[in-house]
Amino acid sequence: MLPAASAPLLAGGRLFVGEGMHDSPRSHLRCLDPATGRPHWAFATGDHVEGGPAEAGGLVVFPAGNDGLYAADAATGARAWNFRAELHVD
């Protein structure tokens, strides 16, 4: 795992942690078992995940720098959507 500045999120019995800092082009949002630390899934992004994720309605939403804002299924990590514009989201 890369260095992290993202605040972790504990929701629905899962721990979500972003990784990467500026100049980390291959980063992830990782979903871990909070009791064991074992990974459930990892969502790859093209930029850092410095901001903390949020969970609502079964989706985990998180920023990814120049990649914009992502939403993924909290249980499976499947991509739900990606909002991109001429902005940098931390």
PDB file of N, CA and C in Angstrom:
ATOM      1  N   MET A   1       0.838  -1.175   0.000  1.00  0.00           N
ATOM      2  CA  MET A   1       0.000   0.000   0.000  1.00  0.00           C
ATOM      3  C   MET A   1       0.884   1.239   0.000  1.00  0.00           C
ATOM      4  N   LEU A   2       0.461   2.252  -0.755  1.00  0.00           N
ATOM      5  CA  LEU A   2       1.194   3.514  -0.820  1.00  0.00           C
ATOM      6  C   LEU A   2       0.956   4.333   0.446  1.00  0.00           C
ATOM      7  N   PRO A   3       1.785   5.334   0.708  1.00  0.00           N
ATOM      8  CA  PRO A   3       1.505   6.246   1.819  1.00  0.00           C
ATOM      9  C   PRO A   3       0.108   6.844   1.667  1.00  0.00           C
ATOM     10  N   ALA A   4      -0.500   7.179   2.792  1.00  0.00           N
ATOM     11  CA  ALA A   4      -1.889   7.651   2.759  1.00  0.00           C
ATOM     12  C   ALA A   4      -2.061   8.921   3.568  1.00  0.00           C
ATOM     13  N   ALA A   5      -2.939   9.803   3.083  1.00  0.00           N
ATOM     14  CA  ALA A   5      -3.343  10.999   3.818  1.00  0.00           C
ATOM     15  C   ALA A   5      -4.852  10.978   4.024  1.00  0.00           C
ATOM     16  N   SER A   6      -5.517  10.005   3.461  1.00  0.00           N
ATOM     17  CA  SER A   6      -6.971   9.882   3.516  1.00  0.00           C
ATOM     18  C   SER A   6      -7.427   9.458   4.906  1.00  0.00           C
ATOM     19  N   ALA A   7      -8.513  10.073   5.374  1.00  0.00           N
ATOM     20  CA  ALA A   7      -9.121   9.614   6.625  1.00  0.00           C
ATOM     21  C   ALA A   7      -9.836   8.298   6.349  1.00  0.00           C
ATOM     22  N   PRO A   8      -9.668   7.293   7.192  1.00  0.00           N
ATOM     23  CA  PRO A   8     -10.356   6.018   6.980  1.00  0.00           C
ATOM     24  C   PRO A   8     -11.841   6.143   7.318  1.00  0.00           C
ATOM     25  N   LEU A   9     -12.626   5.228   6.780  1.00  0.00           N
ATOM     26  CA  LEU A   9     -14.062   5.185   7.055  1.00  0.00           C
ATOM     27  C   LEU A   9     -14.432   3.771   7.475  1.00  0.00           C
ATOM     28  N   LEU A  10     -15.098   3.636   8.606  1.00  0.00           N
ATOM     29  CA  LEU A  10     -15.636   2.365   9.056  1.00  0.00           C
ATOM     30  C   LEU A  10     -17.140   2.426   8.856  1.00  0.00           C
ATOM     31  N   ALA A  11     -17.660   1.583   7.966  1.00  0.00           N
ATOM     32  CA  ALA A  11     -19.097   1.594   7.646  1.00  0.00           C
ATOM     33  C   ALA A  11     -19.515   0.204   7.193  1.00  0.00           C
ATOM     34  N   GLY A  12     -20.662  -0.258   7.691  1.00  0.00           N
ATOM     35  CA  GLY A  12     -21.193  -1.545   7.266  1.00  0.00           C
ATOM     36  C   GLY A  12     -20.276  -2.717   7.542  1.00  0.00           C
ATOM     37  N   GLY A  13     -19.479  -2.635   8.598  1.00  0.00           N
ATOM     38  CA  GLY A  13     -18.569  -3.728   8.920  1.00  0.00           C
ATOM     39  C   GLY A  13     -17.354  -3.811   8.021  1.00  0.00           C
ATOM     40  N   ARG A  14     -17.062  -2.739   7.301  1.00  0.00           N
ATOM     41  CA  ARG A  14     -15.907  -2.695   6.407  1.00  0.00           C
ATOM     42  C   ARG A  14     -15.096  -1.432   6.693  1.00  0.00           C
ATOM     43  N   LEU A  15     -13.792  -1.508   6.471  1.00  0.00           N
ATOM     44  CA  LEU A  15     -12.902  -0.369   6.643  1.00  0.00           C
ATOM     45  C   LEU A  15     -12.422   0.073   5.264  1.00  0.00           C
ATOM     46  N   PHE A  16     -12.684   1.326   4.917  1.00  0.00           N
ATOM     47  CA  PHE A  16     -12.294   1.892   3.622  1.00  0.00           C
ATOM     48  C   PHE A  16     -11.135   2.850   3.843  1.00  0.00           C
ATOM     49  N   VAL A  17     -10.059   2.657   3.070  1.00  0.00           N
ATOM     50  CA  VAL A  17      -8.860   3.471   3.208  1.00  0.00           C
ATOM     51  C   VAL A  17      -8.359   3.862   1.826  1.00  0.00           C
ATOM     52  N   GLY A  18      -8.178   5.172   1.611  1.00  0.00           N
ATOM     53  CA  GLY A  18      -7.589   5.650   0.362  1.00  0.00           C
ATOM     54  C   GLY A  18      -6.080   5.636   0.465  1.00  0.00           C
ATOM     55  N   GLU A  19      -5.421   5.523  -0.671  1.00  0.00           N
ATOM     56  CA  GLU A  19      -3.959   5.549  -0.669  1.00  0.00           C
ATOM     57  C   GLU A  19      -3.454   6.493  -1.736  1.00  0.00           C
ATOM     58  N   GLY A  20      -2.211   6.887  -1.570  1.00  0.00           N
ATOM     59  CA  GLY A  20      -1.553   7.760  -2.522  1.00  0.00           C
ATOM     60  C   GLY A  20      -1.600   9.207  -2.072  1.00  0.00           C
ATOM     61  N   MET A  21      -0.591   9.943  -2.498  1.00  0.00           N
ATOM     62  CA  MET A  21      -0.514  11.370  -2.243  1.00  0.00           C
ATOM     63  C   MET A  21      -0.166  12.010  -3.576  1.00  0.00           C
ATOM     64  N   HIS A  22      -0.140  13.325  -3.633  1.00  0.00           N
ATOM     65  CA  HIS A  22       0.174  13.976  -4.910  1.00  0.00           C
ATOM     66  C   HIS A  22       1.382  13.290  -5.547  1.00  0.00           C
ATOM     67  N   ASP A  23       1.343  13.178  -6.841  1.00  0.00           N
ATOM     68  CA  ASP A  23       2.365  12.482  -7.625  1.00  0.00           C
ATOM     69  C   ASP A  23       2.318  10.969  -7.436  1.00  0.00           C
ATOM     70  N   SER A  24       1.157  10.430  -7.051  1.00  0.00           N
ATOM     71  CA  SER A  24       0.945   8.977  -6.979  1.00  0.00           C
ATOM     72  C   SER A  24      -0.095   8.600  -8.036  1.00  0.00           C
ATOM     73  N   PRO A  25       0.334   8.367  -9.267  1.00  0.00           N
ATOM     74  CA  PRO A  25      -0.643   8.156 -10.342  1.00  0.00           C
ATOM     75  C   PRO A  25      -1.399   6.828 -10.278  1.00  0.00           C
ATOM     76  N   ARG A  26      -0.866   5.828  -9.606  1.00  0.00           N
ATOM     77  CA  ARG A  26      -1.546   4.532  -9.503  1.00  0.00           C
ATOM     78  C   ARG A  26      -1.902   4.294  -8.041  1.00  0.00           C
ATOM     79  N   SER A  27      -3.104   4.683  -7.684  1.00  0.00           N
ATOM     80  CA  SER A  27      -3.544   4.580  -6.299  1.00  0.00           C
ATOM     81  C   SER A  27      -4.806   3.740  -6.213  1.00  0.00           C
ATOM     82  N   HIS A  28      -5.280   3.507  -4.986  1.00  0.00           N
ATOM     83  CA  HIS A  28      -6.462   2.679  -4.775  1.00  0.00           C
ATOM     84  C   HIS A  28      -7.305   3.194  -3.619  1.00  0.00           C
ATOM     85  N   LEU A  29      -8.575   2.874  -3.663  1.00  0.00           N
ATOM     86  CA  LEU A  29      -9.394   2.861  -2.459  1.00  0.00           C
ATOM     87  C   LEU A  29      -9.445   1.394  -2.075  1.00  0.00           C
ATOM     88  N   ARG A  30      -9.071   1.093  -0.850  1.00  0.00           N
ATOM     89  CA  ARG A  30      -9.036  -0.293  -0.393  1.00  0.00           C
ATOM     90  C   ARG A  30     -10.135  -0.532   0.625  1.00  0.00           C
ATOM     91  N   CYS A  31     -10.741  -1.706   0.532  1.00  0.00           N
ATOM     92  CA  CYS A  31     -11.767  -2.139   1.472  1.00  0.00           C
ATOM     93  C   CYS A  31     -11.201  -3.321   2.243  1.00  0.00           C
ATOM     94  N   LEU A  32     -11.138  -3.169   3.569  1.00  0.00           N
ATOM     95  CA  LEU A  32     -10.502  -4.177   4.416  1.00  0.00           C
ATOM     96  C   LEU A  32     -11.474  -4.692   5.468  1.00  0.00           C
ATOM     97  N   ASP A  33     -11.199  -5.892   5.943  1.00  0.00           N
ATOM     98  CA  ASP A  33     -11.909  -6.412   7.108  1.00  0.00           C
ATOM     99  C   ASP A  33     -11.318  -5.702   8.322  1.00  0.00           C
ATOM    100  N   PRO A  34     -12.122  -4.973   9.113  1.00  0.00           N
ATOM    101  CA  PRO A  34     -11.552  -4.208  10.221  1.00  0.00           C
ATOM    102  C   PRO A  34     -10.966  -5.068  11.338  1.00  0.00           C
ATOM    103  N   ALA A  35     -11.389  -6.301  11.484  1.00  0.00           N
ATOM    104  CA  ALA A  35     -10.880  -7.167  12.552  1.00  0.00           C
ATOM    105  C   ALA A  35      -9.554  -7.817  12.189  1.00  0.00           C
ATOM    106  N   THR A  36      -9.390  -8.164  10.906  1.00  0.00           N
ATOM    107  CA  THR A  36      -8.199  -8.918  10.497  1.00  0.00           C
ATOM    108  C   THR A  36      -7.242  -8.121   9.611  1.00  0.00           C
ATOM    109  N   GLY A  37      -7.751  -7.076   8.952  1.00  0.00           N
ATOM    110  CA  GLY A  37      -6.935  -6.322   8.008  1.00  0.00           C
ATOM    111  C   GLY A  37      -6.878  -6.958   6.628  1.00  0.00           C
ATOM    112  N   ARG A  38      -7.529  -8.104   6.469  1.00  0.00           N
ATOM    113  CA  ARG A  38      -7.523  -8.767   5.157  1.00  0.00           C
ATOM    114  C   ARG A  38      -8.339  -7.961   4.146  1.00  0.00           C
ATOM    115  N   PRO A  39      -7.858  -7.899   2.911  1.00  0.00           N
ATOM    116  CA  PRO A  39      -8.565  -7.115   1.897  1.00  0.00           C
ATOM    117  C   PRO A  39      -9.835  -7.807   1.394  1.00  0.00           C
ATOM    118  N   HIS A  40     -10.873  -7.011   1.198  1.00  0.00           N
ATOM    119  CA  HIS A  40     -12.077  -7.468   0.503  1.00  0.00           C
ATOM    120  C   HIS A  40     -11.924  -7.157  -0.986  1.00  0.00           C
ATOM    121  N   TRP A  41     -11.518  -5.914  -1.283  1.00  0.00           N
ATOM    122  CA  TRP A  41     -11.311  -5.493  -2.662  1.00  0.00           C
ATOM    123  C   TRP A  41     -10.460  -4.227  -2.694  1.00  0.00           C
ATOM    124  N   ALA A  42      -9.955  -3.890  -3.888  1.00  0.00           N
ATOM    125  CA  ALA A  42      -9.193  -2.655  -4.116  1.00  0.00           C
ATOM    126  C   ALA A  42      -9.674  -2.052  -5.426  1.00  0.00           C
ATOM    127  N   PHE A  43      -9.992  -0.774  -5.393  1.00  0.00           N
ATOM    128  CA  PHE A  43     -10.478  -0.047  -6.559  1.00  0.00           C
ATOM    129  C   PHE A  43      -9.334   0.829  -7.069  1.00  0.00           C
ATOM    130  N   ALA A  44      -8.836   0.544  -8.272  1.00  0.00           N
ATOM    131  CA  ALA A  44      -7.709   1.280  -8.841  1.00  0.00           C
ATOM    132  C   ALA A  44      -8.167   2.608  -9.437  1.00  0.00           C
ATOM    133  N   THR A  45      -7.362   3.655  -9.205  1.00  0.00           N
ATOM    134  CA  THR A  45      -7.610   4.970  -9.791  1.00  0.00           C
ATOM    135  C   THR A  45      -6.350   5.431 -10.513  1.00  0.00           C
ATOM    136  N   GLY A  46      -6.494   6.454 -11.317  1.00  0.00           N
ATOM    137  CA  GLY A  46      -5.355   7.017 -12.027  1.00  0.00           C
ATOM    138  C   GLY A  46      -4.699   8.167 -11.289  1.00  0.00           C
ATOM    139  N   ASP A  47      -5.184   8.480 -10.087  1.00  0.00           N
ATOM    140  CA  ASP A  47      -4.598   9.553  -9.287  1.00  0.00           C
ATOM    141  C   ASP A  47      -4.812   9.234  -7.808  1.00  0.00           C
ATOM    142  N   HIS A  48      -4.238  10.036  -6.949  1.00  0.00           N
ATOM    143  CA  HIS A  48      -4.244   9.791  -5.513  1.00  0.00           C
ATOM    144  C   HIS A  48      -5.642   9.899  -4.894  1.00  0.00           C
ATOM    145  N   VAL A  49      -5.823   9.184  -3.786  1.00  0.00           N
ATOM    146  CA  VAL A  49      -7.069   9.229  -3.015  1.00  0.00           C
ATOM    147  C   VAL A  49      -6.709   9.838  -1.658  1.00  0.00           C
ATOM    148  N   GLU A  50      -6.626  11.173  -1.619  1.00  0.00           N
ATOM    149  CA  GLU A  50      -6.220  11.855  -0.386  1.00  0.00           C
ATOM    150  C   GLU A  50      -7.409  12.195   0.511  1.00  0.00           C
ATOM    151  N   GLY A  51      -8.550  12.458  -0.066  1.00  0.00           N
ATOM    152  CA  GLY A  51      -9.722  12.808   0.740  1.00  0.00           C
ATOM    153  C   GLY A  51     -10.389  11.562   1.283  1.00  0.00           C
ATOM    154  N   GLY A  52     -11.097  11.719   2.365  1.00  0.00           N
ATOM    155  CA  GLY A  52     -11.771  10.584   2.985  1.00  0.00           C
ATOM    156  C   GLY A  52     -13.014  10.162   2.228  1.00  0.00           C
ATOM    157  N   PRO A  53     -13.299   8.873   2.193  1.00  0.00           N
ATOM    158  CA  PRO A  53     -14.504   8.365   1.539  1.00  0.00           C
ATOM    159  C   PRO A  53     -15.736   8.599   2.408  1.00  0.00           C
ATOM    160  N   ALA A  54     -16.903   8.507   1.780  1.00  0.00           N
ATOM    161  CA  ALA A  54     -18.193   8.581   2.468  1.00  0.00           C
ATOM    162  C   ALA A  54     -19.050   7.441   1.933  1.00  0.00           C
ATOM    163  N   GLU A  55     -19.942   6.905   2.774  1.00  0.00           N
ATOM    164  CA  GLU A  55     -20.798   5.790   2.363  1.00  0.00           C
ATOM    165  C   GLU A  55     -22.254   6.172   2.542  1.00  0.00           C
ATOM    166  N   ALA A  56     -23.068   5.832   1.551  1.00  0.00           N
ATOM    167  CA  ALA A  56     -24.520   6.063   1.620  1.00  0.00           C
ATOM    168  C   ALA A  56     -25.199   5.159   0.605  1.00  0.00           C
ATOM    169  N   GLY A  57     -26.294   4.548   1.007  1.00  0.00           N
ATOM    170  CA  GLY A  57     -27.081   3.748   0.082  1.00  0.00           C
ATOM    171  C   GLY A  57     -26.331   2.617  -0.584  1.00  0.00           C
ATOM    172  N   GLY A  58     -25.352   2.040   0.113  1.00  0.00           N
ATOM    173  CA  GLY A  58     -24.604   0.933  -0.458  1.00  0.00           C
ATOM    174  C   GLY A  58     -23.474   1.340  -1.378  1.00  0.00           C
ATOM    175  N   LEU A  59     -23.243   2.650  -1.533  1.00  0.00           N
ATOM    176  CA  LEU A  59     -22.142   3.146  -2.348  1.00  0.00           C
ATOM    177  C   LEU A  59     -21.108   3.818  -1.459  1.00  0.00           C
ATOM    178  N   VAL A  60     -19.856   3.683  -1.822  1.00  0.00           N
ATOM    179  CA  VAL A  60     -18.789   4.439  -1.187  1.00  0.00           C
ATOM    180  C   VAL A  60     -18.314   5.455  -2.232  1.00  0.00           C
ATOM    181  N   VAL A  61     -18.322   6.726  -1.835  1.00  0.00           N
ATOM    182  CA  VAL A  61     -17.966   7.832  -2.730  1.00  0.00           C
ATOM    183  C   VAL A  61     -16.640   8.397  -2.250  1.00  0.00           C
ATOM    184  N   PHE A  62     -15.719   8.640  -3.186  1.00  0.00           N
ATOM    185  CA  PHE A  62     -14.386   9.102  -2.794  1.00  0.00           C
ATOM    186  C   PHE A  62     -13.734   9.918  -3.895  1.00  0.00           C
ATOM    187  N   PRO A  63     -12.889  10.893  -3.512  1.00  0.00           N
ATOM    188  CA  PRO A  63     -12.182  11.719  -4.484  1.00  0.00           C
ATOM    189  C   PRO A  63     -10.907  11.037  -4.958  1.00  0.00           C
ATOM    190  N   ALA A  64     -10.507  11.391  -6.186  1.00  0.00           N
ATOM    191  CA  ALA A  64      -9.269  10.830  -6.733  1.00  0.00           C
ATOM    192  C   ALA A  64      -8.511  11.876  -7.542  1.00  0.00           C
ATOM    193  N   GLY A  65      -8.259  13.021  -6.923  1.00  0.00           N
ATOM    194  CA  GLY A  65      -7.448  14.054  -7.554  1.00  0.00           C
ATOM    195  C   GLY A  65      -7.953  14.446  -8.932  1.00  0.00           C
ATOM    196  N   ASN A  66      -7.101  14.333  -9.951  1.00  0.00           N
ATOM    197  CA  ASN A  66      -7.476  14.705 -11.322  1.00  0.00           C
ATOM    198  C   ASN A  66      -8.426  13.705 -11.972  1.00  0.00           C
ATOM    199  N   ASP A  67      -8.628  12.545 -11.356  1.00  0.00           N
ATOM    200  CA  ASP A  67      -9.605  11.570 -11.847  1.00  0.00           C
ATOM    201  C   ASP A  67     -11.026  11.943 -11.440  1.00  0.00           C
ATOM    202  N   GLY A  68     -11.181  12.951 -10.580  1.00  0.00           N
ATOM    203  CA  GLY A  68     -12.509  13.404 -10.184  1.00  0.00           C
ATOM    204  C   GLY A  68     -13.053  12.652  -8.981  1.00  0.00           C
ATOM    205  N   LEU A  69     -14.345  12.398  -9.016  1.00  0.00           N
ATOM    206  CA  LEU A  69     -15.061  11.770  -7.907  1.00  0.00           C
ATOM    207  C   LEU A  69     -15.614  10.431  -8.378  1.00  0.00           C
ATOM    208  N   TYR A  70     -15.393   9.385  -7.595  1.00  0.00           N
ATOM    209  CA  TYR A  70     -15.868   8.045  -7.928  1.00  0.00           C
ATOM    210  C   TYR A  70     -16.927   7.590  -6.937  1.00  0.00           C
ATOM    211  N   ALA A  71     -17.769   6.674  -7.386  1.00  0.00           N
ATOM    212  CA  ALA A  71     -18.662   5.915  -6.512  1.00  0.00           C
ATOM    213  C   ALA A  71     -18.500   4.453  -6.879  1.00  0.00           C
ATOM    214  N   ALA A  72     -18.382   3.614  -5.845  1.00  0.00           N
ATOM    215  CA  ALA A  72     -18.233   2.169  -6.037  1.00  0.00           C
ATOM    216  C   ALA A  72     -19.192   1.449  -5.103  1.00  0.00           C
ATOM    217  N   ASP A  73     -19.604   0.263  -5.512  1.00  0.00           N
ATOM    218  CA  ASP A  73     -20.435  -0.579  -4.649  1.00  0.00           C
ATOM    219  C   ASP A  73     -19.620  -0.915  -3.404  1.00  0.00           C
ATOM    220  N   ALA A  74     -20.165  -0.608  -2.237  1.00  0.00           N
ATOM    221  CA  ALA A  74     -19.421  -0.799  -0.986  1.00  0.00           C
ATOM    222  C   ALA A  74     -19.104  -2.266  -0.710  1.00  0.00           C
ATOM    223  N   ALA A  75     -19.942  -3.175  -1.156  1.00  0.00           N
ATOM    224  CA  ALA A  75     -19.729  -4.599  -0.886  1.00  0.00           C
ATOM    225  C   ALA A  75     -18.759  -5.254  -1.866  1.00  0.00           C
ATOM    226  N   THR A  76     -18.812  -4.838  -3.141  1.00  0.00           N
ATOM    227  CA  THR A  76     -18.036  -5.532  -4.167  1.00  0.00           C
ATOM    228  C   THR A  76     -16.893  -4.713  -4.766  1.00  0.00           C
ATOM    229  N   GLY A  77     -16.956  -3.386  -4.636  1.00  0.00           N
ATOM    230  CA  GLY A  77     -15.964  -2.528  -5.260  1.00  0.00           C
ATOM    231  C   GLY A  77     -16.233  -2.248  -6.722  1.00  0.00           C
ATOM    232  N   ALA A  78     -17.357  -2.711  -7.247  1.00  0.00           N
ATOM    233  CA  ALA A  78     -17.689  -2.456  -8.656  1.00  0.00           C
ATOM    234  C   ALA A  78     -17.962  -0.970  -8.866  1.00  0.00           C
ATOM    235  N   ARG A  79     -17.420  -0.432  -9.934  1.00  0.00           N
ATOM    236  CA  ARG A  79     -17.600   0.986 -10.249  1.00  0.00           C
ATOM    237  C   ARG A  79     -19.058   1.292 -10.549  1.00  0.00           C
ATOM    238  N   ALA A  80     -19.597   2.318  -9.889  1.00  0.00           N
ATOM    239  CA  ALA A  80     -20.960   2.773 -10.143  1.00  0.00           C
ATOM    240  C   ALA A  80     -20.942   3.979 -11.080  1.00  0.00           C
ATOM    241  N   TRP A  81     -20.077   4.960 -10.786  1.00  0.00           N
ATOM    242  CA  TRP A  81     -19.937   6.132 -11.651  1.00  0.00           C
ATOM    243  C   TRP A  81     -18.644   6.881 -11.338  1.00  0.00           C
ATOM    244  N   ASN A  82     -18.305   7.792 -12.262  1.00  0.00           N
ATOM    245  CA  ASN A  82     -17.126   8.651 -12.120  1.00  0.00           C
ATOM    246  C   ASN A  82     -17.494  10.027 -12.658  1.00  0.00           C
ATOM    247  N   PHE A  83     -17.398  11.044 -11.832  1.00  0.00           N
ATOM    248  CA  PHE A  83     -17.641  12.424 -12.255  1.00  0.00           C
ATOM    249  C   PHE A  83     -16.288  13.085 -12.501  1.00  0.00           C
ATOM    250  N   ARG A  84     -16.112  13.577 -13.736  1.00  0.00           N
ATOM    251  CA  ARG A  84     -14.867  14.256 -14.099  1.00  0.00           C
ATOM    252  C   ARG A  84     -15.199  15.599 -14.699  1.00  0.00           C
ATOM    253  N   ALA A  85     -14.385  16.576 -14.365  1.00  0.00           N
ATOM    254  CA  ALA A  85     -14.531  17.914 -14.915  1.00  0.00           C
ATOM    255  C   ALA A  85     -13.138  18.558 -14.837  1.00  0.00           C
ATOM    256  N   GLU A  86     -13.058  19.782 -15.242  1.00  0.00           N
ATOM    257  CA  GLU A  86     -11.769  20.498 -15.163  1.00  0.00           C
ATOM    258  C   GLU A  86     -11.554  20.948 -13.724  1.00  0.00           C
ATOM    259  N   LEU A  87     -11.346  19.976 -12.837  1.00  0.00           N
ATOM    260  CA  LEU A  87     -11.106  20.270 -11.428  1.00  0.00           C
ATOM    261  C   LEU A  87     -10.308  19.155 -10.800  1.00  0.00           C
ATOM    262  N   HIS A  88      -9.762  19.451  -9.657  1.00  0.00           N
ATOM    263  CA  HIS A  88      -8.936  18.502  -8.906  1.00  0.00           C
ATOM    264  C   HIS A  88      -9.669  18.285  -7.580  1.00  0.00           C
ATOM    265  N   VAL A  89     -10.032  17.041  -7.269  1.00  0.00           N
ATOM    266  CA  VAL A  89     -10.843  16.754  -6.085  1.00  0.00           C
ATOM    267  C   VAL A  89      -9.999  16.029  -5.037  1.00  0.00           C
ATOM    268  N   ASP A  90      -9.762  16.684  -3.912  1.00  0.00           N
ATOM    269  CA  ASP A  90      -9.094  16.045  -2.779  1.00  0.00           C
ATOM    270  C   ASP A  90     -10.106  15.862  -1.692  1.00  0.00           C
TER     271      ASP A  90
END
